[in-house]
């Protein structure tokens, strides 16, 4: 019997969506948007990577290729022949690996403050700073604070950092970092016709409109972008109802 990754399934609607969280998140990261989702129209699955959340005890290589295979196995288990992908931050890059693994099964992709297919292109100094976050909660909180433009409560940044440490194994957290920090699959996705919507927060200091235009919108001919007011890198926490509403407006076009 195939062992599956942990996940949370909500709703019973005909439109199927699988969500992949960011580096600091887990399936729990999506909970703020649940009250605003249309669970008659959609079925959502909130997936956990190996070493994270409901899959925290599952060993692995902690690569996006492995995560993509796990997503496809889960979709097979659910009997989902076609489904859309939702990815936040690191999850934006990870879901593109799923697209490459099973292109005929993906209806649409939605990226939320999503790392593009070229990765974050970190230099050695910046990568070393992120590596320190593996064992240092203060560094984690500092990165979260920076990514939300230093405009939110320090207590919130600290709590999110603590939750990320509680809901991920250090070796998994460390393992996924080079996947999104230095990986590059842009040549493989360029020209893909899958419909894509990218949401970014107006205050996100790194995932900017300019970056989205030169990556996501340049590589996917059917891509579009929407800027979310009063948000930075964590719209699901900062503006959950607005995000859920905009997300489902897009997905209901299909």
Protein backbone atom coordinates (compact mmCIF):
# COMPACT_ATOMS: atom_id res chain seq x y z
CA UNK A 1 0.00 0.00 0.00
CA UNK A 2 1.31 3.44 -0.97
CA UNK A 3 2.06 5.75 1.93
CA UNK A 4 0.55 9.19 1.39
CA UNK A 5 1.51 12.59 2.69
CA UNK A 6 -0.71 14.11 5.33
CA UNK A 7 -3.37 16.56 4.21
CA UNK A 8 -6.56 18.34 5.22
CA UNK A 9 -9.57 18.03 2.89
CA UNK A 10 -12.47 20.48 3.14
CA UNK A 11 -15.53 21.02 1.00
CA UNK A 12 -17.34 18.74 -1.42
CA UNK A 13 -17.65 20.84 -4.55
CA UNK A 14 -16.87 19.85 -8.14
CA UNK A 15 -13.89 22.18 -8.53
CA UNK A 16 -10.77 20.58 -7.05
CA UNK A 17 -7.87 22.64 -5.63
CA UNK A 18 -4.66 21.42 -3.99
CA UNK A 19 -2.70 23.98 -1.93
CA UNK A 20 1.04 23.97 -1.25
CA UNK A 21 2.38 26.18 1.53
CA UNK A 22 5.53 28.27 1.85
CA UNK A 23 8.83 27.59 3.61
CA UNK A 24 7.63 28.95 6.96
CA UNK A 25 4.18 27.38 6.69
CA UNK A 26 2.28 24.10 6.74
CA UNK A 27 -1.27 23.11 5.88
CA UNK A 28 -2.26 25.12 8.97
CA UNK A 29 -1.14 28.28 7.18
CA UNK A 30 -4.33 28.24 5.11
CA UNK A 31 -6.76 28.09 8.02
CA UNK A 32 -7.46 31.86 8.15
CA UNK A 33 -9.13 31.74 4.72
CA UNK A 34 -11.41 28.77 5.45
CA UNK A 35 -14.46 30.77 6.66
CA UNK A 36 -14.52 32.68 3.37
CA UNK A 37 -14.29 29.68 1.01
CA UNK A 38 -17.25 28.36 -1.00
CA UNK A 39 -17.21 24.72 0.06
CA UNK A 40 -20.22 23.84 -2.07
CA UNK A 41 -18.43 24.90 -5.24
CA UNK A 42 -14.95 23.69 -4.30
CA UNK A 43 -13.10 20.82 -2.70
CA UNK A 44 -9.79 21.96 -1.21
CA UNK A 45 -6.90 19.79 -0.14
CA UNK A 46 -4.23 21.46 1.97
CA UNK A 47 -1.10 19.38 1.44
CA UNK A 48 1.88 18.94 3.77
CA UNK A 49 5.36 18.29 2.41
CA UNK A 50 7.42 15.52 3.95
CA UNK A 51 8.78 16.75 7.27
CA UNK A 52 6.00 19.35 7.66
CA UNK A 53 2.67 19.47 9.51
CA UNK A 54 0.63 16.32 9.06
CA UNK A 55 3.64 14.74 7.29
CA UNK A 56 6.18 15.76 9.92
CA UNK A 57 7.16 12.15 10.68
CA UNK A 58 7.58 11.21 7.04
CA UNK A 59 11.21 10.93 5.99
CA UNK A 60 12.39 11.96 2.56
CA UNK A 61 14.92 13.70 0.37
CA UNK A 62 13.00 17.00 0.80
CA UNK A 63 13.06 17.97 -2.88
CA UNK A 64 10.40 19.45 -5.13
CA UNK A 65 10.63 16.41 -7.41
CA UNK A 66 9.73 14.24 -4.43
CA UNK A 67 6.93 16.64 -3.40
CA UNK A 68 5.52 16.58 -6.94
CA UNK A 69 5.45 12.79 -6.93
CA UNK A 70 3.70 12.88 -3.55
CA UNK A 71 1.08 15.31 -4.88
CA UNK A 72 0.38 13.12 -7.90
CA UNK A 73 0.08 10.05 -5.66
CA UNK A 74 -2.37 11.92 -3.45
CA UNK A 75 -4.41 13.06 -6.46
CA UNK A 76 -4.54 9.44 -7.65
CA UNK A 77 -5.74 8.37 -4.19
CA UNK A 78 -8.47 11.04 -4.28
CA UNK A 79 -9.37 10.05 -7.85
CA UNK A 80 -8.72 13.60 -9.03
CA UNK A 81 -8.06 13.41 -12.74
CA UNK A 82 -7.99 17.20 -13.12
CA UNK A 83 -7.34 19.83 -10.47
CA UNK A 84 -5.94 23.31 -9.88
CA UNK A 85 -2.87 24.17 -7.84
CA UNK A 86 -2.50 26.91 -5.25
CA UNK A 87 0.97 27.81 -3.98
CA UNK A 88 2.27 30.35 -1.49
CA UNK A 89 5.87 31.60 -1.61
CA UNK A 90 8.06 28.46 -1.86
CA UNK A 91 4.87 26.60 -2.77
CA UNK A 92 4.63 28.67 -5.94
CA UNK A 93 7.83 27.09 -7.19
CA UNK A 94 6.95 23.65 -5.86
CA UNK A 95 3.60 23.60 -7.66
CA UNK A 96 5.36 24.25 -10.96
CA UNK A 97 7.24 20.98 -10.43
CA UNK A 98 3.82 19.30 -10.12
CA UNK A 99 2.82 20.94 -13.42
CA UNK A 100 5.92 19.49 -15.07
CA UNK A 101 5.23 16.06 -13.57
CA UNK A 102 1.57 15.89 -14.65
CA UNK A 103 0.83 18.70 -17.14
CA UNK A 104 -2.31 17.08 -18.52
CA UNK A 105 -3.95 17.06 -15.07
CA UNK A 106 -3.52 20.70 -14.07
CA UNK A 107 -6.44 23.02 -14.83
CA UNK A 108 -5.10 26.29 -13.41
CA UNK A 109 -2.37 27.55 -11.12
CA UNK A 110 -2.65 30.34 -8.58
CA UNK A 111 0.46 31.77 -6.98
CA UNK A 112 0.31 33.86 -3.81
CA UNK A 113 3.51 35.87 -3.26
CA UNK A 114 4.88 32.98 -5.28
CA UNK A 115 8.53 32.26 -5.99
CA UNK A 116 8.96 32.05 -9.77
CA UNK A 117 10.43 29.12 -11.66
CA UNK A 118 13.93 30.63 -11.57
CA UNK A 119 13.99 30.48 -7.78
CA UNK A 120 15.01 33.39 -5.59
CA UNK A 121 18.50 33.64 -7.10
CA UNK A 122 20.08 34.20 -3.70
CA UNK A 123 23.73 35.11 -3.48
CA UNK A 124 25.93 33.28 -0.99
CA UNK A 125 25.60 35.89 1.74
CA UNK A 126 21.83 35.99 1.62
CA UNK A 127 21.59 32.21 1.47
CA UNK A 128 23.80 31.96 4.56
CA UNK A 129 21.41 34.29 6.40
CA UNK A 130 18.46 32.07 5.54
CA UNK A 131 20.39 28.97 6.56
CA UNK A 132 20.73 30.44 10.05
CA UNK A 133 16.94 30.43 10.31
CA UNK A 134 16.97 26.62 10.49
CA UNK A 135 18.09 26.66 14.13
CA UNK A 136 17.35 30.24 15.21
CA UNK A 137 13.79 31.38 15.90
CA UNK A 138 14.91 35.00 16.12
CA UNK A 139 16.29 34.84 12.59
CA UNK A 140 13.06 33.26 11.38
CA UNK A 141 11.05 36.04 12.96
CA UNK A 142 13.35 38.65 11.43
CA UNK A 143 12.85 37.25 7.95
CA UNK A 144 9.08 37.23 8.43
CA UNK A 145 9.20 40.80 9.71
CA UNK A 146 11.22 41.91 6.68
CA UNK A 147 8.94 40.11 4.23
CA UNK A 148 5.92 41.93 5.66
CA UNK A 149 7.70 45.30 5.28
CA UNK A 150 8.24 45.69 9.04
CA UNK A 151 4.67 46.90 9.37
CA UNK A 152 3.07 44.20 11.54
CA UNK A 153 3.20 43.29 15.22
CA UNK A 154 6.54 41.76 16.30
CA UNK A 155 4.52 39.36 18.45
CA UNK A 156 2.81 38.04 15.31
CA UNK A 157 6.13 37.54 13.48
CA UNK A 158 7.55 35.72 16.49
CA UNK A 159 4.49 33.51 16.83
CA UNK A 160 4.56 32.59 13.14
CA UNK A 161 8.25 31.74 13.47
CA UNK A 162 7.56 29.57 16.51
CA UNK A 163 4.77 27.76 14.68
CA UNK A 164 7.03 27.15 11.70
CA UNK A 165 9.60 25.52 13.99
CA UNK A 166 6.93 23.45 15.72
CA UNK A 167 5.42 22.23 12.45
CA UNK A 168 8.58 21.37 10.51
CA UNK A 169 11.61 19.18 11.07
CA UNK A 170 14.95 21.04 10.89
CA UNK A 171 16.29 18.68 8.23
CA UNK A 172 13.19 19.24 6.08
CA UNK A 173 13.29 23.00 6.58
CA UNK A 174 16.97 22.99 5.60
CA UNK A 175 16.40 20.58 2.73
CA UNK A 176 13.78 22.63 0.90
CA UNK A 177 15.77 25.89 1.15
CA UNK A 178 18.17 25.31 -1.79
CA UNK A 179 15.25 24.03 -3.86
CA UNK A 180 13.61 27.45 -3.95
CA UNK A 181 16.61 29.65 -3.21
CA UNK A 182 18.83 28.42 -6.02
CA UNK A 183 16.80 26.04 -8.21
CA UNK A 184 15.80 26.98 -11.75
CA UNK A 185 13.15 25.29 -13.90
CA UNK A 186 12.30 28.37 -15.98
CA UNK A 187 13.43 26.81 -19.26
CA UNK A 188 11.08 23.89 -18.62
CA UNK A 189 7.96 25.98 -17.99
CA UNK A 190 8.49 28.78 -20.54
CA UNK A 191 5.60 28.91 -22.99
CA UNK A 192 3.32 26.61 -20.99
CA UNK A 193 -0.29 27.48 -21.82
CA UNK A 194 -1.84 26.62 -18.42
CA UNK A 195 -3.89 29.57 -17.07
CA UNK A 196 -2.07 31.27 -14.18
CA UNK A 197 -3.04 33.98 -11.71
CA UNK A 198 -0.41 35.56 -9.48
CA UNK A 199 -1.47 37.52 -6.39
CA UNK A 200 1.07 39.75 -4.66
CA UNK A 201 0.80 42.05 -1.68
CA UNK A 202 1.30 45.72 -2.34
CA UNK A 203 3.90 45.89 0.45
CA UNK A 204 5.91 42.76 -0.40
CA UNK A 205 9.53 43.97 -0.59
CA UNK A 206 10.79 41.07 -2.71
CA UNK A 207 7.97 39.57 -4.79
CA UNK A 208 7.25 42.80 -6.66
CA UNK A 209 5.16 43.58 -9.76
CA UNK A 210 8.36 44.08 -11.75
CA UNK A 211 9.64 40.63 -10.79
CA UNK A 212 6.31 38.99 -11.60
CA UNK A 213 6.22 40.62 -15.04
CA UNK A 214 9.74 39.46 -15.88
CA UNK A 215 9.13 35.88 -14.68
CA UNK A 216 5.62 34.48 -14.26
CA UNK A 217 3.98 36.76 -16.82
CA UNK A 218 6.88 36.39 -19.27
CA UNK A 219 7.00 32.59 -19.14
CA UNK A 220 3.28 31.76 -19.01
CA UNK A 221 1.37 33.28 -21.96
CA UNK A 222 -1.96 32.94 -20.11
CA UNK A 223 -0.78 34.53 -16.87
CA UNK A 224 -2.18 37.58 -15.12
CA UNK A 225 -1.42 39.45 -11.91
CA UNK A 226 -3.42 41.13 -9.17
CA UNK A 227 -2.05 43.30 -6.37
CA UNK A 228 -3.71 42.86 -2.97
CA UNK A 229 -4.00 46.07 -0.94
CA UNK A 230 -2.89 46.14 2.70
CA UNK A 231 -0.85 42.96 2.34
CA UNK A 232 2.78 41.96 1.96
CA UNK A 233 4.14 38.39 1.83
CA UNK A 234 1.44 36.63 3.89
CA UNK A 235 -1.94 37.59 2.40
CA UNK A 236 -3.65 34.54 3.90
CA UNK A 237 -2.90 36.01 7.33
CA UNK A 238 -3.03 39.71 6.48
CA UNK A 239 -6.17 39.87 4.28
CA UNK A 240 -7.74 36.38 4.38
CA UNK A 241 -11.27 37.26 3.27
CA UNK A 242 -10.09 39.47 0.42
CA UNK A 243 -7.67 36.79 -0.74
CA UNK A 244 -10.25 33.99 -0.61
CA UNK A 245 -12.76 36.12 -2.50
CA UNK A 246 -10.30 37.06 -5.26
CA UNK A 247 -9.03 33.49 -5.49
CA UNK A 248 -12.46 32.01 -6.07
CA UNK A 249 -13.50 34.72 -8.52
CA UNK A 250 -10.57 33.60 -10.66
CA UNK A 251 -11.08 29.86 -10.20
CA UNK A 252 -14.79 30.07 -11.00
CA UNK A 253 -13.99 31.32 -14.50
CA UNK A 254 -13.24 27.74 -15.52
